[in-house]
Amino acid sequence: MPGSYRVPMSIPAVGDPAPTFTLPGMIIRDGVRSDAEYDLASEYGRTVVLAFYPGDATPVCTAQLCSYQQELDDFDDLGAVVWGISPQALDSHETFARGASLTFPLLSDIASAVVRDYGVHVPGLGLRRSVFVIGPDGILRWRHVGLVGLRFPKAAAIRAQIEQLVA
């Protein structure tokens, strides 16, 4: 086997430590793109919502991430950050973010390493649309892993999970 082969991981269970990672990402604020490295461990102390989505500017992904954008202030008020993760490059993310008016970070997992670490990789198809809520302590507190890529958890369901963490 080539040295770059990674064995797919199982989906982490609620109560498990969230797999840590660092990925390149970008954000559009006031019309300006800013690139940065996003490190999950550096967010300990805050709740992090990871939204894994198959592709930029596809109808279901656009509907999903736009619904989270609409609730972004509510997530922020609860001390939570939202990161979108997909295998596209940052330039693709920029076009998508501008077209959909997204103002939260979109991270690029071109090698699908994080997708595999979270157990949502589907050989030949990419990834399962999934959302993970990670508590301020770095522990996975809630997850929704889609079997089919057409459904996603609504922002209100995610917000309810975050509210339980801060209650």
N, C-alpha and C. Protein backbone atom coordinates (compact mmCIF):
# COMPACT_ATOMS: atom_id res chain seq x y z
N MET A 1 0.84 -1.19 0.00
CA MET A 1 0.00 0.00 0.00
C MET A 1 0.88 1.24 0.00
N PRO A 2 0.46 2.29 -0.73
CA PRO A 2 1.22 3.53 -0.70
C PRO A 2 1.21 4.14 0.70
N GLY A 3 2.25 4.87 1.02
CA GLY A 3 2.37 5.48 2.34
C GLY A 3 1.33 6.53 2.63
N SER A 4 0.65 7.07 1.59
CA SER A 4 -0.33 8.12 1.82
C SER A 4 -1.73 7.58 2.10
N TYR A 5 -1.91 6.26 2.06
CA TYR A 5 -3.22 5.67 2.31
C TYR A 5 -3.61 5.88 3.76
N ARG A 6 -4.86 6.33 3.96
CA ARG A 6 -5.39 6.51 5.30
C ARG A 6 -6.58 5.60 5.48
N VAL A 7 -6.58 4.84 6.53
CA VAL A 7 -7.71 3.97 6.83
C VAL A 7 -8.87 4.86 7.28
N PRO A 8 -10.06 4.70 6.67
CA PRO A 8 -11.19 5.49 7.11
C PRO A 8 -11.49 5.24 8.59
N MET A 9 -11.78 6.30 9.29
CA MET A 9 -12.10 6.20 10.71
C MET A 9 -13.60 6.00 10.87
N SER A 10 -13.99 5.50 12.02
CA SER A 10 -15.41 5.41 12.30
C SER A 10 -15.90 6.79 12.76
N ILE A 11 -17.18 6.97 12.71
CA ILE A 11 -17.77 8.23 13.12
C ILE A 11 -17.61 8.35 14.64
N PRO A 12 -17.01 9.45 15.11
CA PRO A 12 -16.86 9.59 16.56
C PRO A 12 -18.22 9.61 17.26
N ALA A 13 -18.27 8.99 18.41
CA ALA A 13 -19.51 8.93 19.19
C ALA A 13 -19.65 10.18 20.05
N VAL A 14 -20.89 10.52 20.33
CA VAL A 14 -21.16 11.60 21.27
C VAL A 14 -20.49 11.22 22.59
N GLY A 15 -19.73 12.15 23.14
CA GLY A 15 -18.98 11.91 24.37
C GLY A 15 -17.51 11.63 24.12
N ASP A 16 -17.14 11.37 22.86
CA ASP A 16 -15.74 11.16 22.50
C ASP A 16 -15.04 12.50 22.28
N PRO A 17 -13.73 12.55 22.48
CA PRO A 17 -12.98 13.74 22.08
C PRO A 17 -13.11 13.93 20.57
N ALA A 18 -13.35 15.16 20.15
CA ALA A 18 -13.45 15.44 18.72
C ALA A 18 -12.06 15.34 18.09
N PRO A 19 -11.96 14.70 16.93
CA PRO A 19 -10.67 14.67 16.24
C PRO A 19 -10.20 16.10 15.94
N THR A 20 -8.99 16.42 16.33
CA THR A 20 -8.47 17.77 16.09
C THR A 20 -7.88 17.85 14.70
N PHE A 21 -7.77 19.06 14.20
CA PHE A 21 -7.25 19.27 12.86
C PHE A 21 -6.89 20.73 12.68
N THR A 22 -6.11 20.98 11.65
CA THR A 22 -5.83 22.33 11.15
C THR A 22 -6.04 22.29 9.65
N LEU A 23 -6.88 23.19 9.15
CA LEU A 23 -7.15 23.27 7.72
C LEU A 23 -7.07 24.71 7.24
N PRO A 24 -6.71 24.90 5.97
CA PRO A 24 -6.79 26.25 5.40
C PRO A 24 -8.25 26.61 5.19
N GLY A 25 -8.54 27.87 5.38
CA GLY A 25 -9.90 28.33 5.17
C GLY A 25 -9.93 29.78 4.76
N MET A 26 -11.11 30.23 4.41
CA MET A 26 -11.27 31.63 4.04
C MET A 26 -12.62 32.12 4.54
N ILE A 27 -12.68 33.42 4.69
CA ILE A 27 -13.90 34.08 5.13
C ILE A 27 -14.03 35.38 4.35
N ILE A 28 -15.26 35.75 4.04
CA ILE A 28 -15.54 37.01 3.37
C ILE A 28 -16.20 37.92 4.40
N ARG A 29 -15.58 39.04 4.67
CA ARG A 29 -16.15 40.06 5.57
C ARG A 29 -16.04 41.42 4.89
N ASP A 30 -17.16 42.12 4.83
CA ASP A 30 -17.20 43.43 4.18
C ASP A 30 -16.60 43.37 2.77
N GLY A 31 -16.88 42.28 2.07
CA GLY A 31 -16.44 42.13 0.69
C GLY A 31 -14.99 41.72 0.51
N VAL A 32 -14.25 41.53 1.60
CA VAL A 32 -12.82 41.22 1.53
C VAL A 32 -12.59 39.76 1.96
N ARG A 33 -11.85 39.03 1.14
CA ARG A 33 -11.48 37.65 1.48
C ARG A 33 -10.26 37.66 2.37
N SER A 34 -10.33 36.89 3.44
CA SER A 34 -9.18 36.69 4.33
C SER A 34 -8.94 35.19 4.45
N ASP A 35 -7.70 34.78 4.18
CA ASP A 35 -7.31 33.38 4.32
C ASP A 35 -6.60 33.18 5.65
N ALA A 36 -6.79 32.01 6.25
CA ALA A 36 -6.15 31.70 7.52
C ALA A 36 -6.10 30.18 7.69
N GLU A 37 -5.35 29.75 8.67
CA GLU A 37 -5.36 28.36 9.11
C GLU A 37 -6.36 28.27 10.26
N TYR A 38 -7.24 27.29 10.20
CA TYR A 38 -8.25 27.10 11.24
C TYR A 38 -7.89 25.83 12.00
N ASP A 39 -7.63 26.01 13.30
CA ASP A 39 -7.18 24.93 14.16
C ASP A 39 -8.25 24.67 15.20
N LEU A 40 -8.82 23.48 15.19
CA LEU A 40 -9.91 23.17 16.12
C LEU A 40 -9.47 23.33 17.57
N ALA A 41 -8.29 22.87 17.91
CA ALA A 41 -7.83 22.94 19.30
C ALA A 41 -7.75 24.38 19.80
N SER A 42 -7.48 25.32 18.91
CA SER A 42 -7.39 26.72 19.33
C SER A 42 -8.76 27.30 19.68
N GLU A 43 -9.82 26.59 19.37
CA GLU A 43 -11.17 27.06 19.68
C GLU A 43 -11.70 26.49 20.99
N TYR A 44 -10.90 25.65 21.67
CA TYR A 44 -11.38 25.15 22.96
C TYR A 44 -11.75 26.33 23.84
N GLY A 45 -12.85 26.20 24.53
CA GLY A 45 -13.41 27.31 25.30
C GLY A 45 -14.65 27.87 24.62
N ARG A 46 -14.86 27.49 23.36
CA ARG A 46 -16.05 27.88 22.60
C ARG A 46 -16.69 26.63 22.01
N THR A 47 -17.97 26.72 21.73
CA THR A 47 -18.65 25.65 21.02
C THR A 47 -18.39 25.83 19.53
N VAL A 48 -18.07 24.74 18.84
CA VAL A 48 -17.80 24.79 17.40
C VAL A 48 -18.80 23.88 16.69
N VAL A 49 -19.41 24.42 15.65
CA VAL A 49 -20.29 23.66 14.78
C VAL A 49 -19.53 23.39 13.49
N LEU A 50 -19.31 22.11 13.19
CA LEU A 50 -18.66 21.72 11.94
C LEU A 50 -19.74 21.22 10.99
N ALA A 51 -19.89 21.90 9.86
CA ALA A 51 -20.87 21.51 8.85
C ALA A 51 -20.12 20.97 7.64
N PHE A 52 -20.08 19.65 7.50
CA PHE A 52 -19.44 19.01 6.35
C PHE A 52 -20.46 19.00 5.22
N TYR A 53 -20.06 19.50 4.05
CA TYR A 53 -20.97 19.55 2.91
C TYR A 53 -20.23 19.10 1.66
N PRO A 54 -20.92 18.42 0.75
CA PRO A 54 -20.25 17.82 -0.41
C PRO A 54 -19.67 18.79 -1.42
N GLY A 55 -20.34 19.90 -1.70
CA GLY A 55 -19.82 20.73 -2.78
C GLY A 55 -20.31 22.16 -2.76
N ASP A 56 -19.42 23.07 -3.15
CA ASP A 56 -19.76 24.49 -3.24
C ASP A 56 -20.82 24.73 -4.31
N ALA A 57 -21.75 25.61 -3.99
CA ALA A 57 -22.74 26.14 -4.94
C ALA A 57 -23.67 25.09 -5.53
N THR A 58 -23.81 23.95 -4.87
CA THR A 58 -24.81 22.98 -5.29
C THR A 58 -26.12 23.32 -4.58
N PRO A 59 -27.27 22.95 -5.15
CA PRO A 59 -28.54 23.40 -4.57
C PRO A 59 -28.74 23.06 -3.09
N VAL A 60 -28.49 21.81 -2.69
CA VAL A 60 -28.74 21.44 -1.30
C VAL A 60 -27.70 22.08 -0.37
N CYS A 61 -26.44 22.12 -0.79
CA CYS A 61 -25.40 22.74 0.03
C CYS A 61 -25.69 24.23 0.22
N THR A 62 -26.14 24.87 -0.84
CA THR A 62 -26.47 26.29 -0.74
C THR A 62 -27.62 26.48 0.24
N ALA A 63 -28.66 25.67 0.13
CA ALA A 63 -29.80 25.78 1.06
C ALA A 63 -29.35 25.54 2.49
N GLN A 64 -28.51 24.53 2.71
CA GLN A 64 -28.03 24.20 4.06
C GLN A 64 -27.23 25.36 4.65
N LEU A 65 -26.20 25.80 3.94
CA LEU A 65 -25.32 26.81 4.52
C LEU A 65 -26.00 28.17 4.61
N CYS A 66 -26.91 28.47 3.69
CA CYS A 66 -27.66 29.73 3.80
C CYS A 66 -28.58 29.71 5.01
N SER A 67 -29.14 28.54 5.33
CA SER A 67 -30.00 28.46 6.53
C SER A 67 -29.17 28.69 7.79
N TYR A 68 -27.93 28.21 7.81
CA TYR A 68 -27.07 28.45 8.97
C TYR A 68 -26.66 29.91 9.02
N GLN A 69 -26.44 30.52 7.85
CA GLN A 69 -26.08 31.94 7.79
C GLN A 69 -27.19 32.78 8.43
N GLN A 70 -28.44 32.43 8.16
CA GLN A 70 -29.56 33.18 8.70
C GLN A 70 -29.60 33.13 10.22
N GLU A 71 -29.08 32.06 10.80
CA GLU A 71 -29.09 31.88 12.26
C GLU A 71 -27.74 32.23 12.90
N LEU A 72 -26.81 32.75 12.11
CA LEU A 72 -25.44 32.96 12.58
C LEU A 72 -25.38 33.86 13.82
N ASP A 73 -26.19 34.90 13.85
CA ASP A 73 -26.20 35.79 15.03
C ASP A 73 -26.63 35.04 16.28
N ASP A 74 -27.62 34.13 16.12
CA ASP A 74 -28.06 33.33 17.26
C ASP A 74 -26.94 32.41 17.74
N PHE A 75 -26.21 31.79 16.81
CA PHE A 75 -25.09 30.94 17.20
C PHE A 75 -24.04 31.77 17.92
N ASP A 76 -23.74 32.93 17.38
CA ASP A 76 -22.73 33.81 17.98
C ASP A 76 -23.15 34.26 19.37
N ASP A 77 -24.43 34.56 19.54
CA ASP A 77 -24.94 34.96 20.86
C ASP A 77 -24.77 33.85 21.90
N LEU A 78 -24.73 32.60 21.43
CA LEU A 78 -24.53 31.45 22.32
C LEU A 78 -23.06 31.11 22.47
N GLY A 79 -22.18 31.92 21.89
CA GLY A 79 -20.74 31.68 22.01
C GLY A 79 -20.23 30.59 21.09
N ALA A 80 -20.97 30.29 20.02
CA ALA A 80 -20.60 29.22 19.10
C ALA A 80 -20.08 29.80 17.79
N VAL A 81 -19.16 29.08 17.17
CA VAL A 81 -18.68 29.43 15.83
C VAL A 81 -19.11 28.31 14.88
N VAL A 82 -19.32 28.69 13.62
CA VAL A 82 -19.71 27.74 12.58
C VAL A 82 -18.61 27.71 11.53
N TRP A 83 -18.16 26.50 11.20
CA TRP A 83 -17.20 26.30 10.12
C TRP A 83 -17.80 25.33 9.12
N GLY A 84 -17.79 25.70 7.84
CA GLY A 84 -18.17 24.79 6.77
C GLY A 84 -16.92 24.08 6.27
N ILE A 85 -17.02 22.79 5.99
CA ILE A 85 -15.87 22.01 5.51
C ILE A 85 -16.29 21.20 4.29
N SER A 86 -15.51 21.34 3.22
CA SER A 86 -15.72 20.53 2.03
C SER A 86 -14.39 20.33 1.31
N PRO A 87 -14.36 19.45 0.31
CA PRO A 87 -13.08 19.16 -0.36
C PRO A 87 -12.68 20.15 -1.46
N GLN A 88 -13.43 21.21 -1.66
CA GLN A 88 -13.07 22.17 -2.70
C GLN A 88 -11.96 23.12 -2.24
N ALA A 89 -11.30 23.74 -3.21
CA ALA A 89 -10.22 24.69 -2.94
C ALA A 89 -10.78 26.03 -2.47
N LEU A 90 -9.91 26.85 -1.92
CA LEU A 90 -10.33 28.14 -1.36
C LEU A 90 -10.94 29.06 -2.41
N ASP A 91 -10.44 29.04 -3.64
CA ASP A 91 -11.03 29.90 -4.68
C ASP A 91 -12.47 29.51 -4.97
N SER A 92 -12.76 28.22 -4.96
CA SER A 92 -14.14 27.75 -5.12
C SER A 92 -14.99 28.22 -3.95
N HIS A 93 -14.44 28.10 -2.74
CA HIS A 93 -15.15 28.58 -1.54
C HIS A 93 -15.47 30.06 -1.65
N GLU A 94 -14.51 30.84 -2.15
CA GLU A 94 -14.73 32.29 -2.27
C GLU A 94 -15.90 32.58 -3.20
N THR A 95 -15.93 31.94 -4.36
CA THR A 95 -17.01 32.15 -5.31
C THR A 95 -18.35 31.78 -4.68
N PHE A 96 -18.38 30.64 -3.99
CA PHE A 96 -19.59 30.18 -3.31
C PHE A 96 -20.02 31.17 -2.23
N ALA A 97 -19.09 31.57 -1.38
CA ALA A 97 -19.41 32.48 -0.27
C ALA A 97 -19.94 33.81 -0.80
N ARG A 98 -19.32 34.33 -1.82
CA ARG A 98 -19.80 35.59 -2.40
C ARG A 98 -21.19 35.44 -3.00
N GLY A 99 -21.40 34.36 -3.73
CA GLY A 99 -22.69 34.14 -4.38
C GLY A 99 -23.83 33.89 -3.40
N ALA A 100 -23.52 33.27 -2.28
CA ALA A 100 -24.53 32.93 -1.29
C ALA A 100 -24.52 33.88 -0.09
N SER A 101 -23.66 34.89 -0.11
CA SER A 101 -23.54 35.87 1.00
C SER A 101 -23.23 35.19 2.33
N LEU A 102 -22.30 34.25 2.31
CA LEU A 102 -21.90 33.55 3.54
C LEU A 102 -20.77 34.33 4.22
N THR A 103 -20.88 34.49 5.53
CA THR A 103 -19.88 35.26 6.28
C THR A 103 -19.21 34.45 7.37
N PHE A 104 -19.29 33.13 7.29
CA PHE A 104 -18.55 32.29 8.24
C PHE A 104 -17.48 31.54 7.46
N PRO A 105 -16.47 31.04 8.15
CA PRO A 105 -15.34 30.40 7.45
C PRO A 105 -15.74 29.14 6.70
N LEU A 106 -15.18 29.00 5.51
CA LEU A 106 -15.29 27.78 4.72
C LEU A 106 -13.89 27.19 4.63
N LEU A 107 -13.75 25.95 5.10
CA LEU A 107 -12.45 25.30 5.18
C LEU A 107 -12.28 24.31 4.04
N SER A 108 -11.06 24.19 3.56
CA SER A 108 -10.74 23.34 2.42
C SER A 108 -10.03 22.07 2.89
N ASP A 109 -10.69 20.94 2.68
CA ASP A 109 -10.13 19.63 3.04
C ASP A 109 -9.91 18.83 1.74
N ILE A 110 -9.02 19.35 0.91
CA ILE A 110 -8.79 18.77 -0.42
C ILE A 110 -8.40 17.29 -0.32
N ALA A 111 -7.59 16.92 0.64
CA ALA A 111 -7.15 15.53 0.79
C ALA A 111 -8.19 14.66 1.51
N SER A 112 -9.27 15.26 1.97
CA SER A 112 -10.33 14.56 2.72
C SER A 112 -9.82 13.91 4.00
N ALA A 113 -8.74 14.41 4.55
CA ALA A 113 -8.19 13.85 5.78
C ALA A 113 -9.14 14.04 6.96
N VAL A 114 -9.69 15.23 7.09
CA VAL A 114 -10.61 15.51 8.20
C VAL A 114 -11.93 14.77 7.97
N VAL A 115 -12.37 14.73 6.72
CA VAL A 115 -13.58 13.99 6.37
C VAL A 115 -13.42 12.53 6.81
N ARG A 116 -12.25 11.95 6.59
CA ARG A 116 -12.00 10.56 7.02
C ARG A 116 -11.94 10.47 8.54
N ASP A 117 -11.26 11.43 9.17
CA ASP A 117 -11.14 11.40 10.63
C ASP A 117 -12.51 11.44 11.32
N TYR A 118 -13.47 12.10 10.68
CA TYR A 118 -14.83 12.17 11.23
C TYR A 118 -15.73 11.06 10.72
N GLY A 119 -15.16 10.15 9.91
CA GLY A 119 -15.89 8.97 9.47
C GLY A 119 -17.00 9.24 8.47
N VAL A 120 -16.96 10.38 7.77
CA VAL A 120 -18.04 10.73 6.86
C VAL A 120 -17.64 10.61 5.39
N HIS A 121 -16.46 10.02 5.13
CA HIS A 121 -16.00 9.81 3.76
C HIS A 121 -16.79 8.67 3.12
N VAL A 122 -17.21 8.86 1.87
CA VAL A 122 -17.88 7.82 1.11
C VAL A 122 -17.07 7.60 -0.16
N PRO A 123 -16.37 6.46 -0.26
CA PRO A 123 -15.54 6.21 -1.44
C PRO A 123 -16.34 6.38 -2.74
N GLY A 124 -15.77 7.13 -3.66
CA GLY A 124 -16.40 7.36 -4.94
C GLY A 124 -17.43 8.46 -4.96
N LEU A 125 -17.93 8.85 -3.80
CA LEU A 125 -18.96 9.89 -3.73
C LEU A 125 -18.51 11.15 -3.02
N GLY A 126 -17.48 11.07 -2.22
CA GLY A 126 -17.02 12.24 -1.48
C GLY A 126 -17.31 12.11 0.00
N LEU A 127 -18.40 12.75 0.44
CA LEU A 127 -18.69 12.73 1.87
C LEU A 127 -20.18 12.76 2.13
N ARG A 128 -20.51 12.33 3.34
CA ARG A 128 -21.90 12.42 3.81
C ARG A 128 -22.11 13.80 4.41
N ARG A 129 -23.19 14.42 4.04
CA ARG A 129 -23.54 15.72 4.62
C ARG A 129 -23.74 15.49 6.12
N SER A 130 -22.95 16.18 6.94
CA SER A 130 -22.95 15.91 8.38
C SER A 130 -22.70 17.19 9.17
N VAL A 131 -23.20 17.20 10.39
CA VAL A 131 -22.97 18.32 11.30
C VAL A 131 -22.55 17.74 12.65
N PHE A 132 -21.49 18.32 13.21
CA PHE A 132 -20.99 17.93 14.52
C PHE A 132 -20.95 19.17 15.40
N VAL A 133 -21.46 19.05 16.63
CA VAL A 133 -21.35 20.13 17.62
C VAL A 133 -20.32 19.68 18.64
N ILE A 134 -19.28 20.49 18.77
CA ILE A 134 -18.18 20.18 19.68
C ILE A 134 -18.24 21.18 20.82
N GLY A 135 -18.27 20.67 22.03
CA GLY A 135 -18.37 21.53 23.21
C GLY A 135 -17.08 22.29 23.46
N PRO A 136 -17.16 23.28 24.34
CA PRO A 136 -15.98 24.08 24.68
C PRO A 136 -14.82 23.25 25.24
N ASP A 137 -15.13 22.04 25.71
CA ASP A 137 -14.10 21.15 26.27
C ASP A 137 -13.48 20.23 25.20
N GLY A 138 -13.88 20.40 23.92
CA GLY A 138 -13.33 19.57 22.86
C GLY A 138 -14.01 18.22 22.72
N ILE A 139 -15.11 18.02 23.42
CA ILE A 139 -15.85 16.76 23.38
C ILE A 139 -17.02 16.88 22.40
N LEU A 140 -17.22 15.84 21.60
CA LEU A 140 -18.34 15.81 20.67
C LEU A 140 -19.63 15.71 21.48
N ARG A 141 -20.52 16.69 21.30
CA ARG A 141 -21.76 16.75 22.09
C ARG A 141 -23.00 16.38 21.31
N TRP A 142 -22.94 16.48 19.97
CA TRP A 142 -24.10 16.14 19.13
C TRP A 142 -23.61 15.91 17.72
N ARG A 143 -24.31 15.05 17.00
CA ARG A 143 -23.93 14.82 15.60
C ARG A 143 -25.16 14.45 14.79
N HIS A 144 -25.10 14.80 13.54
CA HIS A 144 -26.09 14.37 12.56
C HIS A 144 -25.32 13.98 11.31
N VAL A 145 -25.36 12.70 10.98
CA VAL A 145 -24.65 12.20 9.81
C VAL A 145 -25.69 11.68 8.84
N GLY A 146 -25.77 12.34 7.69
CA GLY A 146 -26.77 11.96 6.70
C GLY A 146 -26.42 10.67 5.99
N LEU A 147 -27.42 9.86 5.72
CA LEU A 147 -27.21 8.66 4.92
C LEU A 147 -27.29 9.00 3.44
N VAL A 148 -28.14 9.95 3.13
CA VAL A 148 -28.29 10.44 1.77
C VAL A 148 -28.01 11.94 1.83
N GLY A 149 -27.40 12.47 0.79
CA GLY A 149 -26.95 13.85 0.81
C GLY A 149 -28.02 14.92 0.67
N LEU A 150 -29.29 14.57 0.65
CA LEU A 150 -30.33 15.56 0.41
C LEU A 150 -30.91 16.17 1.67
N ARG A 151 -30.62 15.62 2.82
CA ARG A 151 -31.18 16.13 4.07
C ARG A 151 -30.08 16.68 4.95
N PHE A 152 -30.46 17.70 5.72
CA PHE A 152 -29.51 18.30 6.64
C PHE A 152 -30.28 18.80 7.86
N PRO A 153 -29.61 18.87 9.01
CA PRO A 153 -30.31 19.36 10.19
C PRO A 153 -30.55 20.86 10.07
N LYS A 154 -31.71 21.27 10.47
CA LYS A 154 -32.08 22.69 10.43
C LYS A 154 -31.31 23.44 11.51
N ALA A 155 -31.13 24.71 11.27
CA ALA A 155 -30.39 25.56 12.20
C ALA A 155 -31.02 25.54 13.59
N ALA A 156 -32.35 25.50 13.66
CA ALA A 156 -33.03 25.49 14.96
C ALA A 156 -32.66 24.25 15.77
N ALA A 157 -32.51 23.10 15.11
CA ALA A 157 -32.12 21.87 15.82
C ALA A 157 -30.70 21.99 16.37
N ILE A 158 -29.82 22.58 15.58
CA ILE A 158 -28.44 22.77 16.04
C ILE A 158 -28.41 23.77 17.19
N ARG A 159 -29.15 24.86 17.05
CA ARG A 159 -29.21 25.86 18.11
C ARG A 159 -29.71 25.25 19.43
N ALA A 160 -30.71 24.38 19.34
CA ALA A 160 -31.24 23.73 20.55
C ALA A 160 -30.16 22.91 21.24
N GLN A 161 -29.31 22.24 20.46
CA GLN A 161 -28.21 21.46 21.05
C GLN A 161 -27.19 22.38 21.73
N ILE A 162 -26.89 23.49 21.09
CA ILE A 162 -25.94 24.45 21.67
C ILE A 162 -26.51 25.05 22.95
N GLU A 163 -27.79 25.35 22.94
CA GLU A 163 -28.43 25.92 24.14
C GLU A 163 -28.31 24.98 25.32
N GLN A 164 -28.37 23.67 25.08
CA GLN A 164 -28.22 22.70 26.17
C GLN A 164 -26.82 22.76 26.77
N LEU A 165 -25.83 23.08 25.94
CA LEU A 165 -24.45 23.17 26.44
C LEU A 165 -24.23 24.37 27.33
N VAL A 166 -24.96 25.45 27.06
CA VAL A 166 -24.73 26.69 27.81
C VAL A 166 -25.73 26.84 28.95
N ALA A 167 -26.68 25.90 29.05
CA ALA A 167 -27.71 25.99 30.11
C ALA A 167 -27.12 25.68 31.47
